[in-house]
């Protein structure tokens, strides 16, 4: 299902474990940090009170991700360019003999428990929504997969900062329950999920509530997203950016990140939660893309399911769609927003992203940076998911010497990535943080600035 790191020492032996984790593609610094987190998770698992476990617990690393390009494109069948971050969840999992799932967060000290049941009602707005949604979907899709688990986790992934902590939690909880229930051997699973890209597509539907093949959907977590995050988390390569298209998930290419460059991350301190009013804003972009596809189907009689399929149907599809939006005008809920959404999707997915990937592949960082700037302007002007803080972070990163910089993730908060010469990351981060704290002192306490590498996809430690 996922890669396995064949390391059989003690999870509490931090130094030896760090050496093993580095073999999986983590930088030495990140490997040491993860070894410490595994130590915390292992202690938390022991604290759950089930002494004398018959077998060694399963250990998993599940990263967050950096969306280099591809803002709000995946759920409409577009493409994105992503890397797995070298921050994420370290979790240890032990099977139970009942239907109870216990999840202990070793960092915040909170523990939740619930039974794996098809009628679970998750608590929206709390992190327990994600493990409970996964457990409910597994119970509905695999009726006999009801074995519970004790899970202890520790994470260094900033929450609600654009690095996909929510999707990483979805992936982590699924991998935990899949392991103890041996889902990979289940006939229904094997008919629907035959590779990691299939798994990424399925887990995208676990989060958004859609059906995947013969695996029926349900409510999901309440957001109408796609499978970009799950794809990056499960399929990325260390040191590379990966380009995928979606609906269904399709690999296109990998592009090396220049060896002498690293990602710097600046989080705005403005929470990018996908709940409440923020969820409504996030879902509005998805609804606009769906409304454009529905208008196309109504006008043409075709059955193209997504905006990307609409645009692929012929060279004049975008022009015709614009004309129909303008012609129907007042009969549509928000024609101006529909036109802006169409322009954004066309430029981001079909023009900017392929050209930027080409520039990065040939080492043209100046050209890459200009295209990323265009993507950022499109997010601000057309997509409308930027706030003053993220717009400032992107502009100030470029002014401070970054080769490229862009906000990423759902938007309406979150953070910005910057591609920076590795030798200059420390002074760059200091200058970037200082300028941000001067401009937005009210957000200074919650903002974070750090480096991140393009790390490995999720893997199991055995």
Protein backbone atom coordinates (compact mmCIF):
# COMPACT_ATOMS: atom_id res chain seq x y z
CA UNK A 1 0.00 0.00 0.00
CA UNK A 2 2.80 2.42 0.97
CA UNK A 3 6.58 2.25 1.12
CA UNK A 4 8.14 0.38 4.04
CA UNK A 5 11.33 1.32 5.83
CA UNK A 6 12.94 -1.94 6.96
CA UNK A 7 14.27 -0.80 10.34
CA UNK A 8 13.68 -3.11 13.28
CA UNK A 9 15.27 -1.33 16.20
CA UNK A 10 13.45 0.29 19.12
CA UNK A 11 11.31 3.33 18.33
CA UNK A 12 12.64 4.94 21.50
CA UNK A 13 16.26 4.65 20.29
CA UNK A 14 16.29 8.15 18.84
CA UNK A 15 19.80 8.22 17.38
CA UNK A 16 19.50 4.90 15.58
CA UNK A 17 15.97 5.64 14.41
CA UNK A 18 17.07 8.99 12.98
CA UNK A 19 19.67 7.20 10.87
CA UNK A 20 16.98 4.88 9.56
CA UNK A 21 14.55 7.70 8.81
CA UNK A 22 17.23 9.48 6.80
CA UNK A 23 17.39 6.40 4.57
CA UNK A 24 13.75 7.01 3.67
CA UNK A 25 14.59 10.44 2.25
CA UNK A 26 14.29 12.79 5.21
CA UNK A 27 17.09 15.30 5.76
CA UNK A 28 19.28 14.56 8.81
CA UNK A 29 17.69 17.46 10.71
CA UNK A 30 14.15 16.33 9.86
CA UNK A 31 15.01 12.70 10.68
CA UNK A 32 16.20 13.68 14.16
CA UNK A 33 13.02 15.66 14.74
CA UNK A 34 10.84 12.74 13.64
CA UNK A 35 12.75 10.30 15.82
CA UNK A 36 11.94 12.49 18.82
CA UNK A 37 8.27 12.61 17.81
CA UNK A 38 8.15 8.82 17.48
CA UNK A 39 9.57 8.63 21.00
CA UNK A 40 6.74 10.85 22.29
CA UNK A 41 4.11 8.85 20.42
CA UNK A 42 5.48 5.56 21.74
CA UNK A 43 5.34 6.87 25.32
CA UNK A 44 1.78 8.09 24.77
CA UNK A 45 0.74 4.68 23.42
CA UNK A 46 2.15 3.02 26.54
CA UNK A 47 0.19 5.52 28.60
CA UNK A 48 -3.09 4.32 27.14
CA UNK A 49 -2.84 1.47 29.67
CA UNK A 50 -2.80 -1.64 27.51
CA UNK A 51 0.39 -3.14 28.90
CA UNK A 52 1.75 -6.43 27.66
CA UNK A 53 0.83 -5.95 24.03
CA UNK A 54 1.43 -9.12 22.09
CA UNK A 55 3.14 -7.48 19.13
CA UNK A 56 5.28 -4.50 18.26
CA UNK A 57 3.14 -1.50 17.24
CA UNK A 58 3.06 -0.33 13.65
CA UNK A 59 4.84 3.00 13.11
CA UNK A 60 3.90 5.39 10.30
CA UNK A 61 5.16 8.74 9.04
CA UNK A 62 2.58 10.79 7.13
CA UNK A 63 3.81 14.14 5.76
CA UNK A 64 2.05 17.38 5.03
CA UNK A 65 2.44 18.92 1.59
CA UNK A 66 3.40 22.11 -0.19
CA UNK A 67 1.25 23.06 -3.16
CA UNK A 68 3.75 24.70 -5.49
CA UNK A 69 1.08 25.49 -8.10
CA UNK A 70 -2.48 24.39 -8.77
CA UNK A 71 -4.72 26.61 -6.68
CA UNK A 72 -8.24 25.12 -6.46
CA UNK A 73 -7.78 23.02 -9.58
CA UNK A 74 -7.91 19.39 -8.46
CA UNK A 75 -11.62 19.00 -7.74
CA UNK A 76 -12.39 20.39 -11.20
CA UNK A 77 -10.15 17.83 -12.94
CA UNK A 78 -7.18 20.19 -13.35
CA UNK A 79 -3.53 19.68 -12.50
CA UNK A 80 -1.18 20.69 -9.71
CA UNK A 81 2.52 20.68 -8.87
CA UNK A 82 3.18 19.47 -5.33
CA UNK A 83 5.86 18.25 -2.94
CA UNK A 84 5.61 16.30 0.29
CA UNK A 85 6.91 18.37 3.19
CA UNK A 86 9.44 17.00 5.66
CA UNK A 87 7.04 17.80 8.49
CA UNK A 88 4.11 15.63 9.38
CA UNK A 89 2.54 13.06 11.69
CA UNK A 90 4.51 10.34 13.46
CA UNK A 91 2.12 7.72 14.78
CA UNK A 92 2.24 4.32 16.38
CA UNK A 93 -0.66 1.92 16.11
CA UNK A 94 -1.62 -1.19 18.08
CA UNK A 95 -4.62 -3.40 17.26
CA UNK A 96 -7.42 -3.94 19.76
CA UNK A 97 -9.78 -6.86 20.24
CA UNK A 98 -12.91 -4.70 20.11
CA UNK A 99 -14.44 -1.99 17.88
CA UNK A 100 -13.03 0.94 19.83
CA UNK A 101 -10.59 3.41 18.30
CA UNK A 102 -8.56 5.48 20.74
CA UNK A 103 -6.44 8.35 19.44
CA UNK A 104 -3.99 10.14 21.73
CA UNK A 105 -2.25 13.35 20.68
CA UNK A 106 1.12 13.22 22.43
CA UNK A 107 1.77 16.93 21.81
CA UNK A 108 -1.45 18.53 23.08
CA UNK A 109 -2.22 15.74 25.56
CA UNK A 110 -5.78 15.17 24.34
CA UNK A 111 -7.26 11.69 23.85
CA UNK A 112 -10.47 10.74 22.05
CA UNK A 113 -12.26 7.38 21.85
CA UNK A 114 -15.18 6.09 19.80
CA UNK A 115 -16.49 2.88 18.29
CA UNK A 116 -16.02 2.13 14.59
CA UNK A 117 -19.58 2.39 13.34
CA UNK A 118 -21.34 3.27 10.08
CA UNK A 119 -23.59 5.72 11.94
CA UNK A 120 -20.91 7.76 13.71
CA UNK A 121 -21.66 11.48 14.01
CA UNK A 122 -18.31 13.31 13.99
CA UNK A 123 -17.79 16.52 15.91
CA UNK A 124 -17.43 19.25 13.26
CA UNK A 125 -14.89 21.93 14.15
CA UNK A 126 -12.76 19.59 16.27
CA UNK A 127 -9.83 17.47 15.12
CA UNK A 128 -11.77 14.33 16.07
CA UNK A 129 -13.90 14.97 12.95
CA UNK A 130 -11.14 13.49 10.79
CA UNK A 131 -10.50 10.12 12.51
CA UNK A 132 -14.24 9.65 13.08
CA UNK A 133 -15.03 10.39 9.42
CA UNK A 134 -12.44 7.83 8.33
CA UNK A 135 -13.76 5.20 10.73
CA UNK A 136 -17.35 5.76 9.60
CA UNK A 137 -16.43 5.49 5.91
CA UNK A 138 -14.44 2.28 6.47
CA UNK A 139 -17.37 0.80 8.38
CA UNK A 140 -19.71 1.68 5.50
CA UNK A 141 -17.43 0.50 2.69
CA UNK A 142 -16.05 -2.63 4.41
CA UNK A 143 -18.72 -4.05 6.68
CA UNK A 144 -16.46 -6.63 8.34
CA UNK A 145 -13.55 -4.22 8.99
CA UNK A 146 -14.50 -3.32 12.53
CA UNK A 147 -11.33 -4.06 14.47
CA UNK A 148 -10.35 -1.11 16.61
CA UNK A 149 -6.94 0.32 17.34
CA UNK A 150 -5.01 2.37 19.84
CA UNK A 151 -3.24 5.20 18.01
CA UNK A 152 -0.79 7.68 19.46
CA UNK A 153 0.49 10.51 17.31
CA UNK A 154 2.85 13.45 17.46
CA UNK A 155 3.17 16.11 14.78
CA UNK A 156 5.39 19.05 13.88
CA UNK A 157 3.04 20.12 11.07
CA UNK A 158 1.51 23.54 11.72
CA UNK A 159 -2.27 23.28 11.94
CA UNK A 160 -4.52 25.20 9.52
CA UNK A 161 -1.49 26.83 7.87
CA UNK A 162 -1.98 25.58 4.30
CA UNK A 163 0.25 22.49 4.62
CA UNK A 164 -2.71 20.09 4.61
CA UNK A 165 -2.69 18.94 8.20
CA UNK A 166 -6.34 17.90 7.83
CA UNK A 167 -5.75 15.65 4.81
CA UNK A 168 -2.61 14.25 6.45
CA UNK A 169 -4.78 13.30 9.42
CA UNK A 170 -7.26 11.60 7.07
CA UNK A 171 -4.45 9.60 5.44
CA UNK A 172 -2.85 8.73 8.78
CA UNK A 173 -6.08 7.45 10.32
CA UNK A 174 -6.93 5.41 7.24
CA UNK A 175 -3.49 3.80 7.12
CA UNK A 176 -3.76 2.95 10.81
CA UNK A 177 -7.14 1.24 10.48
CA UNK A 178 -6.21 -0.34 7.15
CA UNK A 179 -3.21 -1.96 8.81
CA UNK A 180 -5.04 -3.49 11.76
CA UNK A 181 -7.97 -4.61 9.56
CA UNK A 182 -5.74 -5.86 6.70
CA UNK A 183 -7.82 -3.92 4.21
CA UNK A 184 -5.35 -4.48 1.38
CA UNK A 185 -6.46 -8.13 1.39
CA UNK A 186 -10.17 -7.30 1.26
CA UNK A 187 -11.72 -8.23 -2.13
CA UNK A 188 -13.78 -5.05 -2.32
CA UNK A 189 -10.72 -2.94 -1.59
CA UNK A 190 -8.66 -4.77 -4.20
CA UNK A 191 -11.34 -4.25 -6.86
CA UNK A 192 -11.33 -0.48 -6.32
CA UNK A 193 -7.81 0.38 -5.12
CA UNK A 194 -5.00 -1.17 -7.13
CA UNK A 195 -2.22 1.39 -6.68
CA UNK A 196 -1.28 4.42 -4.60
CA UNK A 197 -2.88 6.88 -7.03
CA UNK A 198 -6.13 4.94 -6.63
CA UNK A 199 -5.72 5.15 -2.87
CA UNK A 200 -5.15 8.91 -3.11
CA UNK A 201 -8.32 9.26 -5.17
CA UNK A 202 -10.30 7.16 -2.70
CA UNK A 203 -9.06 9.11 0.33
CA UNK A 204 -10.00 12.34 -1.43
CA UNK A 205 -13.57 11.02 -1.53
CA UNK A 206 -13.39 9.96 2.12
CA UNK A 207 -12.73 13.64 2.88
CA UNK A 208 -15.22 15.19 0.43
CA UNK A 209 -17.92 12.55 0.77
CA UNK A 210 -18.12 11.38 -2.84
CA UNK A 211 -18.36 7.80 -4.06
CA UNK A 212 -15.24 6.07 -5.40
CA UNK A 213 -15.91 3.20 -7.77
CA UNK A 214 -18.23 0.87 -5.86
CA UNK A 215 -17.19 2.37 -2.49
CA UNK A 216 -20.19 4.48 -1.54
CA UNK A 217 -19.75 8.01 -0.26
CA UNK A 218 -21.26 9.76 2.74
CA UNK A 219 -21.07 13.22 4.33
CA UNK A 220 -17.29 13.50 4.42
CA UNK A 221 -15.86 16.29 6.58
CA UNK A 222 -17.93 19.02 4.91
CA UNK A 223 -15.50 20.45 2.35
CA UNK A 224 -15.86 20.01 -1.41
CA UNK A 225 -12.18 19.46 -2.12
CA UNK A 226 -10.29 17.08 -4.38
CA UNK A 227 -7.45 14.60 -4.02
CA UNK A 228 -4.37 16.79 -4.58
CA UNK A 229 -3.32 16.69 -0.93
CA UNK A 230 -3.74 12.94 -0.57
CA UNK A 231 -1.82 12.40 -3.81
CA UNK A 232 1.14 14.47 -2.63
CA UNK A 233 1.13 12.75 0.76
CA UNK A 234 1.05 9.24 -0.73
CA UNK A 235 2.94 9.58 -4.02
CA UNK A 236 5.56 12.36 -3.83
CA UNK A 237 9.28 11.76 -4.35
CA UNK A 238 12.05 13.20 -2.15
CA UNK A 239 13.81 16.14 -3.75
CA UNK A 240 11.22 16.46 -6.52
CA UNK A 241 8.04 18.30 -7.37
CA UNK A 242 5.35 16.01 -8.75
CA UNK A 243 2.82 17.04 -11.39
CA UNK A 244 -0.53 15.25 -11.35
CA UNK A 245 -3.90 15.69 -13.01
CA UNK A 246 -7.11 14.68 -11.26
CA UNK A 247 -10.58 13.16 -11.54
CA UNK A 248 -9.18 10.52 -11.73
CA UNK A 249 -5.66 10.94 -10.34
CA UNK A 250 -3.10 10.72 -13.16
CA UNK A 251 0.67 11.05 -12.88
CA UNK A 252 2.23 13.45 -15.41
CA UNK A 253 5.87 14.04 -14.42
CA UNK A 254 8.38 14.71 -11.68
CA UNK A 255 10.75 17.68 -11.70
CA UNK A 256 13.89 17.92 -9.54
CA UNK A 257 14.08 20.79 -7.08
CA UNK A 258 17.44 22.53 -7.64
CA UNK A 259 19.89 21.03 -5.15
CA UNK A 260 21.12 24.40 -3.93
CA UNK A 261 17.60 25.68 -3.15
CA UNK A 262 15.18 24.98 -0.31
CA UNK A 263 11.65 26.00 0.56
CA UNK A 264 11.10 28.63 3.20
CA UNK A 265 7.63 28.69 4.74
CA UNK A 266 5.98 31.70 6.30
CA UNK A 267 2.65 31.12 8.04
CA UNK A 268 0.48 34.17 8.43
CA UNK A 269 -0.91 33.37 11.85
CA UNK A 270 -4.39 33.68 10.35
CA UNK A 271 -6.01 30.30 10.75
CA UNK A 272 -7.09 28.68 7.48
CA UNK A 273 -9.72 26.43 9.04
CA UNK A 274 -12.16 24.61 6.75
CA UNK A 275 -15.03 25.10 9.18
CA UNK A 276 -17.85 27.61 9.59
CA UNK A 277 -17.59 30.71 7.41
CA UNK A 278 -14.18 29.60 6.11
CA UNK A 279 -15.71 26.35 4.88
CA UNK A 280 -18.41 28.31 3.03
CA UNK A 281 -15.76 30.45 1.28
CA UNK A 282 -13.72 27.39 0.37
CA UNK A 283 -16.76 25.55 -0.98
CA UNK A 284 -17.87 28.59 -2.99
CA UNK A 285 -14.89 28.18 -5.35
CA UNK A 286 -15.81 24.53 -5.84
CA UNK A 287 -19.46 25.38 -6.49
CA UNK A 288 -18.51 27.94 -9.14
CA UNK A 289 -16.46 25.34 -11.02
CA UNK A 290 -19.37 22.89 -10.80
CA UNK A 291 -21.82 25.56 -12.00
CA UNK A 292 -19.69 26.21 -15.09
CA UNK A 293 -19.64 22.51 -15.94
CA UNK A 294 -23.39 22.28 -15.41
CA UNK A 295 -24.00 25.26 -17.71
CA UNK A 296 -21.88 23.54 -20.36
CA UNK A 297 -23.81 20.28 -20.04
CA UNK A 298 -27.14 22.08 -20.25
CA UNK A 299 -26.13 24.02 -23.36
CA UNK A 300 -24.38 21.21 -25.22
CA UNK A 301 -26.15 18.06 -24.09
CA UNK A 302 -22.75 16.52 -23.39
CA UNK A 303 -21.88 14.70 -20.15
CA UNK A 304 -18.44 16.20 -19.36
CA UNK A 305 -18.29 15.88 -15.56
CA UNK A 306 -15.64 18.47 -14.68
CA UNK A 307 -14.40 21.83 -15.90
CA UNK A 308 -11.16 20.29 -17.18
CA UNK A 309 -13.17 17.84 -19.31
CA UNK A 310 -15.24 20.72 -20.65
CA UNK A 311 -12.14 22.61 -21.76
CA UNK A 312 -10.61 19.48 -23.27
CA UNK A 313 -13.67 18.90 -25.45
CA UNK A 314 -12.57 21.38 -28.11
CA UNK A 315 -10.32 24.39 -28.75
CA UNK A 316 -13.22 26.85 -28.53
CA UNK A 317 -14.79 25.46 -25.34
CA UNK A 318 -13.62 28.30 -23.09
CA UNK A 319 -14.82 30.94 -25.57
CA UNK A 320 -18.24 29.30 -25.89
CA UNK A 321 -18.60 29.01 -22.13
CA UNK A 322 -17.77 32.69 -21.66
CA UNK A 323 -20.35 33.63 -24.27
CA UNK A 324 -23.06 31.59 -22.56
CA UNK A 325 -22.29 33.09 -19.15
CA UNK A 326 -22.52 36.57 -20.66
CA UNK A 327 -25.69 35.73 -22.61
CA UNK A 328 -27.56 34.34 -19.61
CA UNK A 329 -26.31 37.15 -17.39
CA UNK A 330 -29.03 38.03 -14.90
CA UNK A 331 -30.42 34.49 -15.02
CA UNK A 332 -27.26 33.22 -13.34
CA UNK A 333 -26.59 33.66 -9.64
CA UNK A 334 -23.25 35.48 -10.06
CA UNK A 335 -22.07 35.81 -13.66
CA UNK A 336 -19.06 37.97 -12.78
CA UNK A 337 -17.80 35.36 -10.32
CA UNK A 338 -18.35 32.60 -12.89
CA UNK A 339 -16.29 34.45 -15.49
CA UNK A 340 -13.49 35.10 -13.00
CA UNK A 341 -13.52 31.45 -11.91
CA UNK A 342 -13.28 30.30 -15.54
CA UNK A 343 -10.39 32.65 -16.28
CA UNK A 344 -8.56 31.54 -13.17
CA UNK A 345 -8.89 27.84 -13.93
CA UNK A 346 -7.80 28.24 -17.56
CA UNK A 347 -4.73 30.31 -16.69
CA UNK A 348 -3.67 28.35 -13.59
CA UNK A 349 -4.16 24.77 -14.81
CA UNK A 350 -3.66 25.04 -18.56
CA UNK A 351 -1.21 27.90 -19.03
CA UNK A 352 0.83 28.80 -15.94
CA UNK A 353 1.42 25.37 -14.43
CA UNK A 354 2.76 23.55 -17.50
CA UNK A 355 4.99 26.48 -18.46
CA UNK A 356 6.28 26.87 -14.89
CA UNK A 357 7.07 23.17 -14.72
CA UNK A 358 9.02 23.43 -17.96
CA UNK A 359 10.96 26.43 -16.62
CA UNK A 360 11.81 24.63 -13.37
CA UNK A 361 12.87 21.51 -15.28
CA UNK A 362 15.36 23.43 -17.42
CA UNK A 363 16.68 25.43 -14.46
CA UNK A 364 15.18 28.75 -15.57
CA UNK A 365 14.39 30.08 -12.11
CA UNK A 366 13.79 33.62 -13.37
CA UNK A 367 11.11 32.36 -15.74
CA UNK A 368 9.71 30.08 -13.04
CA UNK A 369 9.48 32.99 -10.61
CA UNK A 370 7.63 35.19 -13.11
CA UNK A 371 5.05 32.48 -13.76
CA UNK A 372 4.57 31.90 -10.04
CA UNK A 373 4.04 35.66 -9.62
CA UNK A 374 1.32 35.44 -12.26
CA UNK A 375 -0.31 32.60 -10.33
CA UNK A 376 -0.26 34.66 -7.15
CA UNK A 377 -1.84 37.64 -8.91
CA UNK A 378 -4.55 35.34 -10.26
CA UNK A 379 -5.32 34.06 -6.78
CA UNK A 380 -5.67 37.62 -5.53
CA UNK A 381 -7.62 39.05 -8.49
CA UNK A 382 -9.66 36.13 -9.83
CA UNK A 383 -9.89 33.34 -7.28
CA UNK A 384 -10.34 35.74 -4.38
CA UNK A 385 -8.94 33.40 -1.74
CA UNK A 386 -6.13 35.66 -0.54
CA UNK A 387 -5.99 37.95 2.47
CA UNK A 388 -3.75 40.96 3.00
CA UNK A 389 -1.34 38.93 5.11
CA UNK A 390 -0.64 36.22 2.52
CA UNK A 391 -0.42 38.76 -0.31
CA UNK A 392 2.18 40.67 1.70
CA UNK A 393 4.14 37.51 2.54
CA UNK A 394 4.41 36.57 -1.14
CA UNK A 395 5.45 40.07 -2.25
CA UNK A 396 7.91 40.59 0.60
CA UNK A 397 9.54 37.20 -0.03
CA UNK A 398 10.24 38.21 -3.61
CA UNK A 399 11.56 41.59 -2.45
CA UNK A 400 13.88 39.78 -0.02
CA UNK A 401 15.42 37.74 -2.84
CA UNK A 402 13.33 34.57 -3.17
CA UNK A 403 13.48 33.00 -6.65
CA UNK A 404 9.71 32.43 -6.43
CA UNK A 405 7.00 32.76 -3.79
CA UNK A 406 3.31 32.00 -3.58
CA UNK A 407 0.48 31.47 -1.16
CA UNK A 408 -0.75 27.89 -1.17
CA UNK A 409 -3.50 25.68 0.14
CA UNK A 410 -7.19 26.49 0.48
CA UNK A 411 -6.54 30.18 1.14
CA UNK A 412 -8.47 32.62 3.35
CA UNK A 413 -5.51 32.45 5.74
CA UNK A 414 -2.61 30.00 5.90
CA UNK A 415 0.87 30.55 4.56
CA UNK A 416 3.29 31.19 1.71
CA UNK A 417 6.21 29.20 0.32
CA UNK A 418 9.38 30.80 -1.02
CA UNK A 419 12.15 29.11 -3.01
CA UNK A 420 15.44 30.37 -1.56
CA UNK A 421 19.12 29.63 -2.05
CA UNK A 422 20.02 27.08 0.60
CA UNK A 423 23.07 29.07 1.76
CA UNK A 424 20.90 32.14 2.40
CA UNK A 425 17.92 30.60 4.21
CA UNK A 426 18.80 31.81 7.70
CA UNK A 427 19.19 35.55 6.90
CA UNK A 428 16.24 35.32 4.50
CA UNK A 429 13.95 33.92 7.18
CA UNK A 430 15.08 36.60 9.65
CA UNK A 431 14.41 39.42 7.18
CA UNK A 432 11.11 37.93 5.99
CA UNK A 433 9.83 37.47 9.53
CA UNK A 434 10.90 40.95 10.58
CA UNK A 435 9.12 42.63 7.68
CA UNK A 436 5.94 40.66 8.34
CA UNK A 437 5.91 41.37 12.05
CA UNK A 438 6.40 45.06 11.34
CA UNK A 439 3.48 45.11 8.89
CA UNK A 440 1.12 42.83 10.85
CA UNK A 441 2.06 43.02 14.54
CA UNK A 442 -1.35 41.65 15.51
CA UNK A 443 -0.49 38.33 13.84
CA UNK A 444 3.15 38.18 14.94
CA UNK A 445 2.70 35.84 17.90
CA UNK A 446 0.99 33.13 15.83
CA UNK A 447 3.14 33.45 12.68
CA UNK A 448 5.90 30.90 12.01
CA UNK A 449 8.92 30.98 9.68
CA UNK A 450 10.96 27.87 8.91
CA UNK A 451 12.60 25.87 6.13
CA UNK A 452 11.14 22.76 4.55
CA UNK A 453 12.55 20.18 2.17
CA UNK A 454 10.77 18.17 -0.51
CA UNK A 455 10.60 14.95 1.46
CA UNK A 456 9.31 11.40 1.03
CA UNK A 457 5.71 10.25 0.75
CA UNK A 458 4.06 8.42 3.65
CA UNK A 459 5.89 5.29 4.75
CA UNK A 460 5.70 2.57 7.38
CA UNK A 461 8.56 1.77 9.74
CA UNK A 462 8.95 -2.01 10.14
